C-alpha atoms as a PDB file:
ATOM      1  CA  MET A   1      -0.187   0.187   0.066  1.00  0.00           C
ATOM      2  CA  THR A   2       1.492   3.784  -0.904  1.00  0.00           C
ATOM      3  CA  LEU A   3       0.401   6.359   1.211  1.00  0.00           C
ATOM      4  CA  SER A   4       0.273  10.190   0.102  1.00  0.00           C
ATOM      5  CA  VAL A   5       1.222  12.393   3.697  1.00  0.00           C
ATOM      6  CA  VAL A   6      -0.271  15.838   3.007  1.00  0.00           C
ATOM      7  CA  PRO A   7       0.134  18.581   5.704  1.00  0.00           C
ATOM      8  CA  CYS A   8      -3.168  20.236   6.992  1.00  0.00           C
ATOM      9  CA  LEU A   9      -2.844  23.654   6.910  1.00  0.00           C
ATOM     10  CA  ASP A  10      -7.042  24.606   7.849  1.00  0.00           C
ATOM     11  CA  ARG A  11      -8.164  24.106  11.914  1.00  0.00           C
ATOM     12  CA  VAL A  12     -11.589  23.281  10.992  1.00  0.00           C
ATOM     13  CA  GLU A  13     -10.296  20.633   8.957  1.00  0.00           C
ATOM     14  CA  TRP A  14      -7.628  19.292  10.967  1.00  0.00           C
ATOM     15  CA  ASP A  15     -10.134  18.822  13.959  1.00  0.00           C
ATOM     16  CA  ALA A  16     -12.638  17.192  11.952  1.00  0.00           C
ATOM     17  CA  ALA A  17     -10.204  14.793  11.037  1.00  0.00           C
ATOM     18  CA  VAL A  18      -8.620  13.900  14.255  1.00  0.00           C
ATOM     19  CA  ASP A  19     -12.392  13.752  15.473  1.00  0.00           C
ATOM     20  CA  SER A  20     -12.846  11.443  12.530  1.00  0.00           C
ATOM     21  CA  GLN A  21     -11.146   9.063  13.942  1.00  0.00           C
ATOM     22  CA  GLN A  22     -11.637   9.344  17.672  1.00  0.00           C
ATOM     23  CA  GLY A  23      -8.380  10.696  18.490  1.00  0.00           C
ATOM     24  CA  HIS A  24      -6.958  12.276  21.177  1.00  0.00           C
ATOM     25  CA  PRO A  25      -7.086  15.744  22.986  1.00  0.00           C
ATOM     26  CA  MET A  26      -3.244  16.529  22.630  1.00  0.00           C
ATOM     27  CA  GLN A  27      -3.882  15.514  19.169  1.00  0.00           C
ATOM     28  CA  LEU A  28      -6.441  18.553  18.137  1.00  0.00           C
ATOM     29  CA  TRP A  29      -4.935  22.015  16.681  1.00  0.00           C
ATOM     30  CA  GLY A  30      -5.343  24.163  19.708  1.00  0.00           C
ATOM     31  CA  TRP A  31      -2.732  21.730  21.984  1.00  0.00           C
ATOM     32  CA  GLY A  32      -0.440  22.432  18.986  1.00  0.00           C
ATOM     33  CA  GLU A  33      -0.662  25.793  19.166  1.00  0.00           C
ATOM     34  CA  THR A  34       0.093  26.087  22.847  1.00  0.00           C
ATOM     35  CA  LYS A  35       3.671  23.769  22.442  1.00  0.00           C
ATOM     36  CA  ALA A  36       4.173  25.862  19.360  1.00  0.00           C
ATOM     37  CA  ALA A  37       3.907  28.935  21.575  1.00  0.00           C
ATOM     38  CA  HIS A  38       6.219  26.756  24.260  1.00  0.00           C
ATOM     39  CA  ASN A  39       9.485  25.795  22.652  1.00  0.00           C
ATOM     40  CA  TRP A  40       8.486  23.306  19.942  1.00  0.00           C
ATOM     41  CA  ARG A  41       7.275  23.494  15.856  1.00  0.00           C
ATOM     42  CA  VAL A  42       3.653  21.498  14.384  1.00  0.00           C
ATOM     43  CA  ASP A  43       3.247  20.081  11.834  1.00  0.00           C
ATOM     44  CA  ARG A  44      -0.162  18.387  11.251  1.00  0.00           C
ATOM     45  CA  VAL A  45      -0.384  16.268   8.641  1.00  0.00           C
ATOM     46  CA  LEU A  46      -3.268  13.709   6.889  1.00  0.00           C
ATOM     47  CA  VAL A  47      -2.404  10.551   5.648  1.00  0.00           C
ATOM     48  CA  ARG A  48      -4.772   9.349   3.042  1.00  0.00           C
ATOM     49  CA  ASP A  49      -4.651   5.856   0.443  1.00  0.00           C
ATOM     50  CA  GLY A  50      -6.160   8.061  -2.811  1.00  0.00           C
ATOM     51  CA  ASP A  51      -9.070   9.875  -2.041  1.00  0.00           C
ATOM     52  CA  THR A  52      -9.675   8.368   1.603  1.00  0.00           C
ATOM     53  CA  LEU A  53      -8.195   9.328   5.195  1.00  0.00           C
ATOM     54  CA  VAL A  54      -6.647   6.819   7.077  1.00  0.00           C
ATOM     55  CA  GLY A  55      -4.757   8.499   9.057  1.00  0.00           C
ATOM     56  CA  SER A  56      -3.771  11.541  10.460  1.00  0.00           C
ATOM     57  CA  ALA A  57      -0.791  13.106  13.092  1.00  0.00           C
ATOM     58  CA  GLN A  58       0.093  16.189  15.002  1.00  0.00           C
ATOM     59  CA  ILE A  59       4.038  15.824  14.961  1.00  0.00           C
ATOM     60  CA  LEU A  60       5.511  18.156  17.442  1.00  0.00           C
ATOM     61  CA  LEU A  61       9.074  19.128  16.696  1.00  0.00           C
ATOM     62  CA  ARG A  62      11.740  19.663  18.942  1.00  0.00           C
ATOM     63  CA  THR A  63      14.916  21.820  17.809  1.00  0.00           C
ATOM     64  CA  LEU A  64      18.400  19.994  19.136  1.00  0.00           C
ATOM     65  CA  PRO A  65      21.734  20.460  19.111  1.00  0.00           C
ATOM     66  CA  PHE A  66      23.895  20.182  16.023  1.00  0.00           C
ATOM     67  CA  PRO A  67      24.364  17.457  14.436  1.00  0.00           C
ATOM     68  CA  PHE A  68      20.722  16.207  15.740  1.00  0.00           C
ATOM     69  CA  ARG A  69      18.666  18.645  14.103  1.00  0.00           C
ATOM     70  CA  SER A  70      15.261  17.519  15.684  1.00  0.00           C
ATOM     71  CA  LEU A  71      12.984  15.275  17.555  1.00  0.00           C
ATOM     72  CA  ALA A  72       9.792  14.656  15.990  1.00  0.00           C
ATOM     73  CA  TYR A  73       6.981  13.812  18.663  1.00  0.00           C
ATOM     74  CA  LEU A  74       3.525  12.316  18.441  1.00  0.00           C
ATOM     75  CA  ALA A  75       1.631  12.962  22.132  1.00  0.00           C
ATOM     76  CA  ARG A  76      -0.917  10.257  21.817  1.00  0.00           C
ATOM     77  CA  GLY A  77      -0.995  10.107  18.160  1.00  0.00           C
ATOM     78  CA  PRO A  78      -0.940   9.152  15.191  1.00  0.00           C
ATOM     79  CA  GLN A  79      -4.549   8.344  14.670  1.00  0.00           C
ATOM     80  CA  ALA A  80      -5.198   5.815  12.034  1.00  0.00           C
ATOM     81  CA  GLU A  81      -8.310   3.316  10.634  1.00  0.00           C
ATOM     82  CA  ALA A  82      -7.969  -0.267  12.456  1.00  0.00           C
ATOM     83  CA  GLY A  83      -5.750  -2.356  10.543  1.00  0.00           C
ATOM     84  CA  LEU A  84      -3.197  -0.066   9.121  1.00  0.00           C
ATOM     85  CA  GLU A  85      -1.879   2.175  12.039  1.00  0.00           C
ATOM     86  CA  ASN A  86       1.450   0.330  11.325  1.00  0.00           C
ATOM     87  CA  GLU A  87       1.381   1.787   7.519  1.00  0.00           C
ATOM     88  CA  VAL A  88       0.542   5.411   8.873  1.00  0.00           C
ATOM     89  CA  LEU A  89       3.099   5.366  11.242  1.00  0.00           C
ATOM     90  CA  ASN A  90       5.162   4.318   9.066  1.00  0.00           C
ATOM     91  CA  ALA A  91       4.489   6.485   5.620  1.00  0.00           C
ATOM     92  CA  VAL A  92       4.571   9.265   9.186  1.00  0.00           C
ATOM     93  CA  GLY A  93       8.035   8.447   9.570  1.00  0.00           C
ATOM     94  CA  ARG A  94       9.081   8.429   5.917  1.00  0.00           C
ATOM     95  CA  TYR A  95       7.325  11.990   5.971  1.00  0.00           C
ATOM     96  CA  VAL A  96       9.395  13.163   9.409  1.00  0.00           C
ATOM     97  CA  LYS A  97      13.078  11.662   7.662  1.00  0.00           C
ATOM     98  CA  THR A  98      12.780  13.492   4.566  1.00  0.00           C
ATOM     99  CA  THR A  99      10.725  16.428   5.343  1.00  0.00           C
ATOM    100  CA  HIS A 100      12.245  17.434   8.766  1.00  0.00           C
ATOM    101  CA  LYS A 101      15.520  15.050   8.814  1.00  0.00           C
ATOM    102  CA  SER A 102      14.746  14.563  13.176  1.00  0.00           C
ATOM    103  CA  VAL A 103      17.122  12.187  13.961  1.00  0.00           C
ATOM    104  CA  ALA A 104      13.941   9.936  16.047  1.00  0.00           C
ATOM    105  CA  LEU A 105      10.160   9.924  15.705  1.00  0.00           C
ATOM    106  CA  SER A 106       9.030   9.244  18.938  1.00  0.00           C
ATOM    107  CA  ILE A 107       5.567   8.070  19.723  1.00  0.00           C
ATOM    108  CA  GLU A 108       3.471   7.821  22.692  1.00  0.00           C
ATOM    109  CA  PRO A 109       0.063   6.193  20.687  1.00  0.00           C
ATOM    110  CA  ASP A 110      -3.228   6.208  22.196  1.00  0.00           C
ATOM    111  CA  TRP A 111      -3.445   2.026  21.744  1.00  0.00           C
ATOM    112  CA  ASP A 112      -4.110  -0.497  24.030  1.00  0.00           C
ATOM    113  CA  ALA A 113      -1.111  -2.417  24.519  1.00  0.00           C
ATOM    114  CA  ALA A 114      -2.595  -5.630  23.981  1.00  0.00           C
ATOM    115  CA  THR A 115      -3.188  -4.437  19.738  1.00  0.00           C
ATOM    116  CA  VAL A 116      -1.916  -6.570  17.214  1.00  0.00           C
ATOM    117  CA  ALA A 117      -0.439  -2.739  15.917  1.00  0.00           C
ATOM    118  CA  VAL A 118       1.766  -2.221  18.962  1.00  0.00           C
ATOM    119  CA  ALA A 119       2.674  -6.318  18.765  1.00  0.00           C
ATOM    120  CA  SER A 120       4.212  -5.850  15.388  1.00  0.00           C
ATOM    121  CA  LEU A 121       5.941  -2.426  16.333  1.00  0.00           C
ATOM    122  CA  PRO A 122       9.511  -4.133  15.681  1.00  0.00           C
ATOM    123  CA  ALA A 123       8.501  -5.799  12.764  1.00  0.00           C
ATOM    124  CA  THR A 124       9.145  -2.234  10.702  1.00  0.00           C
ATOM    125  CA  GLY A 125      11.897  -0.799  13.050  1.00  0.00           C
ATOM    126  CA  TRP A 126      10.288   0.667  15.951  1.00  0.00           C
ATOM    127  CA  VAL A 127      12.241  -0.074  19.575  1.00  0.00           C
ATOM    128  CA  PRO A 128      10.887   0.523  22.774  1.00  0.00           C
ATOM    129  CA  SER A 129      12.138   3.729  24.726  1.00  0.00           C
ATOM    130  CA  ASN A 130      12.689   4.692  28.173  1.00  0.00           C
ATOM    131  CA  SER A 131      12.432   8.112  27.742  1.00  0.00           C
ATOM    132  CA  THR A 132       8.853   8.426  29.076  1.00  0.00           C
ATOM    133  CA  ILE A 133       6.397  11.666  28.686  1.00  0.00           C
ATOM    134  CA  LEU A 134       3.389  10.509  29.038  1.00  0.00           C
ATOM    135  CA  ILE A 135       3.051   7.553  31.922  1.00  0.00           C
ATOM    136  CA  PRO A 136       1.021   4.251  29.852  1.00  0.00           C
ATOM    137  CA  ARG A 137      -0.196   2.812  33.146  1.00  0.00           C
ATOM    138  CA  THR A 138      -3.503   4.524  33.697  1.00  0.00           C
ATOM    139  CA  LEU A 139      -7.386   4.302  34.268  1.00  0.00           C
ATOM    140  CA  ILE A 140      -9.692   4.604  30.696  1.00  0.00           C
ATOM    141  CA  LEU A 141     -13.651   4.763  32.601  1.00  0.00           C
ATOM    142  CA  ASP A 142     -15.981   3.488  29.455  1.00  0.00           C
ATOM    143  CA  LEU A 143     -18.294   6.741  29.266  1.00  0.00           C
ATOM    144  CA  THR A 144     -21.089   4.284  27.377  1.00  0.00           C
ATOM    145  CA  ARG A 145     -21.786   3.179  30.443  1.00  0.00           C
ATOM    146  CA  THR A 146     -24.751   3.990  32.531  1.00  0.00           C
ATOM    147  CA  GLU A 147     -24.085   6.130  35.524  1.00  0.00           C
ATOM    148  CA  ASP A 148     -25.103   3.615  37.712  1.00  0.00           C
ATOM    149  CA  GLU A 149     -22.754   0.703  36.196  1.00  0.00           C
ATOM    150  CA  LEU A 150     -20.282   3.608  36.894  1.00  0.00           C
ATOM    151  CA  LEU A 151     -21.174   4.285  40.390  1.00  0.00           C
ATOM    152  CA  ALA A 152     -21.426   0.109  40.657  1.00  0.00           C
ATOM    153  CA  ALA A 153     -17.455  -0.359  39.460  1.00  0.00           C
ATOM    154  CA  MET A 154     -15.955   2.050  41.761  1.00  0.00           C
ATOM    155  CA  SER A 155     -15.302   1.146  45.748  1.00  0.00           C
ATOM    156  CA  LYS A 156     -17.347   1.490  48.501  1.00  0.00           C
ATOM    157  CA  LYS A 157     -15.518   3.892  50.081  1.00  0.00           C
ATOM    158  CA  THR A 158     -15.035   6.436  46.417  1.00  0.00           C
ATOM    159  CA  ARG A 159     -19.196   5.966  46.700  1.00  0.00           C
ATOM    160  CA  GLN A 160     -19.682   6.601  50.608  1.00  0.00           C
ATOM    161  CA  TYR A 161     -17.504   9.602  49.950  1.00  0.00           C
ATOM    162  CA  ILE A 162     -19.263  11.041  47.159  1.00  0.00           C
ATOM    163  CA  ARG A 163     -22.438  11.152  49.289  1.00  0.00           C
ATOM    164  CA  LYS A 164     -20.626  12.812  51.604  1.00  0.00           C
ATOM    165  CA  SER A 165     -18.382  15.496  50.049  1.00  0.00           C
ATOM    166  CA  SER A 166     -22.120  16.438  47.991  1.00  0.00           C
ATOM    167  CA  ARG A 167     -23.996  16.607  51.166  1.00  0.00           C
ATOM    168  CA  GLU A 168     -21.353  19.482  52.149  1.00  0.00           C
ATOM    169  CA  ALA A 169     -22.162  23.126  51.808  1.00  0.00           C
ATOM    170  CA  LEU A 170     -20.190  23.519  48.594  1.00  0.00           C
ATOM    171  CA  GLU A 171     -20.711  23.957  44.744  1.00  0.00           C
ATOM    172  CA  TYR A 172     -19.395  21.665  42.602  1.00  0.00           C
ATOM    173  CA  ARG A 173     -19.928  23.697  38.195  1.00  0.00           C
ATOM    174  CA  ALA A 174     -17.447  24.658  36.112  1.00  0.00           C
ATOM    175  CA  VAL A 175     -15.035  27.302  36.807  1.00  0.00           C
ATOM    176  CA  THR A 176     -15.340  30.665  34.754  1.00  0.00           C
ATOM    177  CA  GLU A 177     -12.523  32.516  32.924  1.00  0.00           C
ATOM    178  CA  ALA A 178     -12.325  35.292  36.002  1.00  0.00           C
ATOM    179  CA  GLU A 179     -12.126  32.156  38.473  1.00  0.00           C
ATOM    180  CA  VAL A 180      -9.168  30.526  36.628  1.00  0.00           C
ATOM    181  CA  ALA A 181      -6.558  32.820  38.704  1.00  0.00           C
ATOM    182  CA  GLN A 182      -8.290  30.883  41.343  1.00  0.00           C
ATOM    183  CA  CYS A 183      -7.346  27.543  40.190  1.00  0.00           C
ATOM    184  CA  MET A 184      -3.219  28.683  39.408  1.00  0.00           C
ATOM    185  CA  SER A 185      -3.246  30.148  42.802  1.00  0.00           C
ATOM    186  CA  VAL A 186      -4.607  26.363  44.129  1.00  0.00           C
ATOM    187  CA  TYR A 187      -2.007  24.364  41.807  1.00  0.00           C
ATOM    188  CA  LYS A 188       0.750  26.386  43.025  1.00  0.00           C
ATOM    189  CA  GLU A 189      -0.147  25.332  46.746  1.00  0.00           C
ATOM    190  CA  THR A 190      -0.622  22.342  45.629  1.00  0.00           C
ATOM    191  CA  ALA A 191       2.424  21.933  43.669  1.00  0.00           C
ATOM    192  CA  GLU A 192       4.876  23.648  46.639  1.00  0.00           C
ATOM    193  CA  ARG A 193       2.619  21.406  49.305  1.00  0.00           C
ATOM    194  CA  ALA A 194       3.261  17.966  47.342  1.00  0.00           C
ATOM    195  CA  ASP A 195       6.762  19.089  45.586  1.00  0.00           C
ATOM    196  CA  PHE A 196       6.298  18.908  42.144  1.00  0.00           C
ATOM    197  CA  GLY A 197       7.174  21.261  39.242  1.00  0.00           C
ATOM    198  CA  ILE A 198       4.541  23.567  37.168  1.00  0.00           C
ATOM    199  CA  HIS A 199       4.533  25.841  34.086  1.00  0.00           C
ATOM    200  CA  GLU A 200       4.872  29.311  34.018  1.00  0.00           C
ATOM    201  CA  ASP A 201       1.335  30.855  34.425  1.00  0.00           C
ATOM    202  CA  GLY A 202       0.925  31.767  30.369  1.00  0.00           C
ATOM    203  CA  TYR A 203       1.312  27.996  29.830  1.00  0.00           C
ATOM    204  CA  TYR A 204      -1.634  27.263  31.229  1.00  0.00           C
ATOM    205  CA  ALA A 205      -3.496  30.574  29.505  1.00  0.00           C
ATOM    206  CA  ASP A 206      -2.632  28.937  26.137  1.00  0.00           C
ATOM    207  CA  ILE A 207      -4.100  25.786  26.627  1.00  0.00           C
ATOM    208  CA  LEU A 208      -7.422  27.267  27.999  1.00  0.00           C
ATOM    209  CA  ARG A 209      -7.168  30.206  24.933  1.00  0.00           C
ATOM    210  CA  ASN A 210      -6.007  27.171  22.030  1.00  0.00           C
ATOM    211  CA  LEU A 211      -8.571  24.584  23.062  1.00  0.00           C
ATOM    212  CA  GLY A 212     -11.638  26.831  24.210  1.00  0.00           C
ATOM    213  CA  GLU A 213     -14.504  24.992  24.984  1.00  0.00           C
ATOM    214  CA  GLY A 214     -11.782  21.499  24.270  1.00  0.00           C
ATOM    215  CA  SER A 215     -10.544  22.639  27.968  1.00  0.00           C
ATOM    216  CA  PRO A 216     -13.536  22.701  30.195  1.00  0.00           C
ATOM    217  CA  ILE A 217     -12.455  23.183  34.171  1.00  0.00           C
ATOM    218  CA  TYR A 218     -14.519  22.384  37.379  1.00  0.00           C
ATOM    219  CA  GLY A 219     -14.614  23.864  40.631  1.00  0.00           C
ATOM    220  CA  ALA A 220     -15.524  23.331  44.373  1.00  0.00           C
ATOM    221  CA  PHE A 221     -16.423  26.466  45.769  1.00  0.00           C
ATOM    222  CA  ASP A 222     -17.194  27.467  49.402  1.00  0.00           C
ATOM    223  CA  GLY A 223     -18.924  30.692  48.482  1.00  0.00           C
ATOM    224  CA  GLU A 224     -16.912  32.215  46.072  1.00  0.00           C
ATOM    225  CA  LYS A 225     -13.768  30.792  47.443  1.00  0.00           C
ATOM    226  CA  LEU A 226     -12.030  27.861  45.105  1.00  0.00           C
ATOM    227  CA  VAL A 227     -11.023  24.793  47.408  1.00  0.00           C
ATOM    228  CA  SER A 228     -10.591  21.913  44.635  1.00  0.00           C
ATOM    229  CA  PHE A 229     -10.368  22.012  41.100  1.00  0.00           C
ATOM    230  CA  LEU A 230     -10.295  19.566  37.792  1.00  0.00           C
ATOM    231  CA  TRP A 231      -8.635  20.346  34.468  1.00  0.00           C
ATOM    232  CA  LEU A 232      -9.664  18.535  31.442  1.00  0.00           C
ATOM    233  CA  ALA A 233      -8.524  18.226  27.775  1.00  0.00           C
ATOM    234  CA  ALA A 234     -11.389  16.900  25.470  1.00  0.00           C
ATOM    235  CA  SER A 235     -11.728  15.877  22.087  1.00  0.00           C
ATOM    236  CA  GLY A 236     -14.579  14.296  20.160  1.00  0.00           C
ATOM    237  CA  SER A 237     -14.650  11.214  21.887  1.00  0.00           C
ATOM    238  CA  THR A 238     -11.807  11.463  24.620  1.00  0.00           C
ATOM    239  CA  ALA A 239     -11.615  13.376  27.951  1.00  0.00           C
ATOM    240  CA  PHE A 240      -8.096  13.732  29.349  1.00  0.00           C
ATOM    241  CA  GLU A 241      -7.624  15.099  32.947  1.00  0.00           C
ATOM    242  CA  LEU A 242      -4.494  17.678  32.823  1.00  0.00           C
ATOM    243  CA  TYR A 243      -4.371  19.505  36.229  1.00  0.00           C
ATOM    244  CA  GLY A 244      -5.722  19.578  39.616  1.00  0.00           C
ATOM    245  CA  GLY A 245      -5.675  21.273  42.986  1.00  0.00           C
ATOM    246  CA  MET A 246      -6.766  21.475  46.638  1.00  0.00           C
ATOM    247  CA  THR A 247      -6.341  23.048  49.300  1.00  0.00           C
ATOM    248  CA  GLU A 248      -6.324  22.148  52.981  1.00  0.00           C
ATOM    249  CA  GLU A 249     -10.176  23.183  53.225  1.00  0.00           C
ATOM    250  CA  GLY A 250     -11.034  21.157  50.001  1.00  0.00           C
ATOM    251  CA  SER A 251      -8.854  18.161  51.619  1.00  0.00           C
ATOM    252  CA  GLN A 252     -10.650  17.848  54.763  1.00  0.00           C
ATOM    253  CA  LEU A 253     -14.202  18.071  53.092  1.00  0.00           C
ATOM    254  CA  ARG A 254     -13.209  15.835  50.576  1.00  0.00           C
ATOM    255  CA  ALA A 255     -14.596  17.709  47.339  1.00  0.00           C
ATOM    256  CA  ASN A 256     -12.176  15.888  45.342  1.00  0.00           C
ATOM    257  CA  PHE A 257     -14.564  12.961  45.222  1.00  0.00           C
ATOM    258  CA  SER A 258     -17.464  15.194  43.808  1.00  0.00           C
ATOM    259  CA  LEU A 259     -15.558  17.117  41.431  1.00  0.00           C
ATOM    260  CA  LYS A 260     -14.530  13.715  39.799  1.00  0.00           C
ATOM    261  CA  TRP A 261     -18.193  12.293  39.823  1.00  0.00           C
ATOM    262  CA  LEU A 262     -18.729  16.192  38.028  1.00  0.00           C
ATOM    263  CA  ALA A 263     -16.404  16.132  35.543  1.00  0.00           C
ATOM    264  CA  ILE A 264     -17.471  12.568  34.897  1.00  0.00           C
ATOM    265  CA  GLN A 265     -20.632  12.984  34.644  1.00  0.00           C
ATOM    266  CA  GLU A 266     -20.303  16.331  32.482  1.00  0.00           C
ATOM    267  CA  MET A 267     -18.338  14.524  29.620  1.00  0.00           C
ATOM    268  CA  LYS A 268     -20.669  11.597  29.302  1.00  0.00           C
ATOM    269  CA  ALA A 269     -23.591  14.132  28.893  1.00  0.00           C
ATOM    270  CA  ARG A 270     -21.337  16.155  26.238  1.00  0.00           C
ATOM    271  CA  GLY A 271     -20.910  11.784  24.484  1.00  0.00           C
ATOM    272  CA  ILE A 272     -17.767  11.513  25.381  1.00  0.00           C
ATOM    273  CA  THR A 273     -16.783   7.993  25.732  1.00  0.00           C
ATOM    274  CA  ARG A 274     -13.269   7.533  27.241  1.00  0.00           C
ATOM    275  CA  TYR A 275     -12.245   9.530  30.529  1.00  0.00           C
ATOM    276  CA  ASP A 276      -8.483   9.020  30.912  1.00  0.00           C
ATOM    277  CA  PHE A 277      -7.191   9.610  34.289  1.00  0.00           C
ATOM    278  CA  ASN A 278      -3.665  10.991  32.657  1.00  0.00           C
ATOM    279  CA  GLY A 279      -1.236   7.982  34.419  1.00  0.00           C
ATOM    280  CA  LEU A 280      -1.304   5.842  37.622  1.00  0.00           C
ATOM    281  CA  LEU A 281       1.646   5.511  39.934  1.00  0.00           C
ATOM    282  CA  ASN A 282       2.438   4.125  43.009  1.00  0.00           C
ATOM    283  CA  ASP A 283       1.346   6.866  45.190  1.00  0.00           C
ATOM    284  CA  GLY A 284      -1.618   8.552  47.181  1.00  0.00           C
ATOM    285  CA  VAL A 285      -3.028  10.275  43.899  1.00  0.00           C
ATOM    286  CA  SER A 286      -3.264   6.960  41.888  1.00  0.00           C
ATOM    287  CA  LYS A 287      -4.903   5.262  45.310  1.00  0.00           C
ATOM    288  CA  PHE A 288      -7.746   7.874  44.989  1.00  0.00           C
ATOM    289  CA  LYS A 289      -8.353   7.356  41.507  1.00  0.00           C
ATOM    290  CA  PHE A 290      -8.486   3.585  41.982  1.00  0.00           C
ATOM    291  CA  GLY A 291     -11.490   4.354  43.954  1.00  0.00           C
ATOM    292  CA  PHE A 292     -13.349   4.939  40.577  1.00  0.00           C
ATOM    293  CA  ALA A 293     -13.906   1.838  38.722  1.00  0.00           C
ATOM    294  CA  ASP A 294     -12.409  -1.880  39.221  1.00  0.00           C
ATOM    295  CA  HIS A 295      -9.752  -2.315  36.383  1.00  0.00           C
ATOM    296  CA  GLU A 296      -6.808  -0.554  34.865  1.00  0.00           C
ATOM    297  CA  ASP A 297      -5.551  -0.197  31.122  1.00  0.00           C
ATOM    298  CA  MET A 298      -2.123   0.158  29.728  1.00  0.00           C
ATOM    299  CA  LEU A 299      -1.796   1.902  26.727  1.00  0.00           C
ATOM    300  CA  ALA A 300       1.345   1.148  23.879  1.00  0.00           C
ATOM    301  CA  GLY A 301       3.886   3.501  25.619  1.00  0.00           C
ATOM    302  CA  THR A 302       6.596   4.992  24.151  1.00  0.00           C
ATOM    303  CA  TRP A 303       8.580   3.924  20.750  1.00  0.00           C
ATOM    304  CA  ASP A 304      11.286   5.039  18.792  1.00  0.00           C
ATOM    305  CA  LEU A 305      12.292   4.918  14.593  1.00  0.00           C
ATOM    306  CA  ALA A 306      15.742   5.841  14.397  1.00  0.00           C
ATOM    307  CA  LEU A 307      15.589   8.125  11.222  1.00  0.00           C
ATOM    308  CA  SER A 308      19.235   9.275  11.530  1.00  0.00           C
ATOM    309  CA  PRO A 309      22.453   7.089  12.142  1.00  0.00           C
ATOM    310  CA  LEU A 310      23.316   9.342  15.161  1.00  0.00           C
ATOM    311  CA  TYR A 311      20.249   7.780  17.125  1.00  0.00           C
ATOM    312  CA  PRO A 312      22.136   5.666  19.187  1.00  0.00           C
ATOM    313  CA  VAL A 313      24.397   8.361  20.536  1.00  0.00           C
ATOM    314  CA  PHE A 314      20.714  10.565  21.131  1.00  0.00           C
ATOM    315  CA  ALA A 315      18.917   7.798  22.443  1.00  0.00           C
ATOM    316  CA  LYS A 316      22.253   7.562  25.421  1.00  0.00           C
ATOM    317  CA  ALA A 317      22.318  10.899  25.816  1.00  0.00           C
ATOM    318  CA  LEU A 318      18.706  11.691  26.171  1.00  0.00           C
ATOM    319  CA  PRO A 319      18.021   9.910  29.905  1.00  0.00           C
ATOM    320  CA  VAL A 320      21.102  11.492  31.223  1.00  0.00           C
ATOM    321  CA  ALA A 321      20.216  14.915  29.858  1.00  0.00           C
ATOM    322  CA  ARG A 322      16.781  14.510  31.723  1.00  0.00           C
ATOM    323  CA  ARG A 323      18.072  13.764  35.081  1.00  0.00           C
ATOM    324  CA  SER A 324      20.335  16.033  34.770  1.00  0.00           C
ATOM    325  CA  MET A 325      17.723  18.630  33.929  1.00  0.00           C
ATOM    326  CA  LYS A 326      15.776  17.179  37.106  1.00  0.00           C
ATOM    327  CA  LYS A 327      18.388  17.916  39.520  1.00  0.00           C
ATOM    328  CA  VAL A 328      19.327  21.614  38.701  1.00  0.00           C
ATOM    329  CA  ARG A 329      15.165  21.961  38.962  1.00  0.00           C
ATOM    330  CA  GLY A 330      15.056  20.485  42.327  1.00  0.00           C
ATOM    331  CA  LEU A 331      18.078  23.013  43.332  1.00  0.00           C
ATOM    332  CA  LEU A 332      16.576  26.110  41.951  1.00  0.00           C
ATOM    333  CA  LYS A 333      13.422  24.811  44.086  1.00  0.00           C
ATOM    334  CA  ARG A 334      16.027  25.312  47.489  1.00  0.00           C
END
């Protein structure tokens, strides 16, 4: 099969293509625009078999020091027709090699790890990578199930806390644009308490502006005071948790239980069929997430396609560089 790869320069056409193949919100035009404003370049391509659309890929490009040129990255992409995943990937790989001369194409597709497409990746030159950005172990709710079925799959304690927190004198609703500043304040407080790094304010403002209705935020309010928030990205089929935070008061009232249930209900009402909790680790946050379902999911993970003879050097250097950056960030916090 010979597939054509053609750049797409129209937002409406692009987002329609992504949604037509149940694409992830990180493949939407607005997400790419945000990354383009923060040290990445973006190239969006449609993959066709004749006149038929069979795939699409929003390619993020990060400039690297000489002689590596750039790294090409697909965040939860590409989109591909069932059975044509590998053909689409290889067509995109050839395009990136010819057009951008990148050292490698790195992918973290929104595919189940058990699919035939993932099993056959090594046969076409792809190798597993330890340079993970998006955690493959996650929890994805099937929103085609009824609310009663979703509740039944939760732990008994989670259902109890949802009922309990909903009886507190809190209001659970969408956050207005004027209230986003409160979210950022709570997020910074949460990051300081939990000791994790965050972006500068402009990054989050760009997400909200570029994704628009595709980036809903829900909050728990005590009067006019925000005590907990949950920020999502949403395509036509998939909701993906981006950020969340909570004050000490919100924690005491367990506001995050009813807040997450509200977000799930709202996404289901939109017609979205998948709700992704964005990663599971062995920590307290993941223990909280586990209470919302009786299963977990494993996505394909991170795979690299070497596009240059320099790839082995790059692959060895990248993990070392990332560890060094983490150490620098840690020193800056002190």
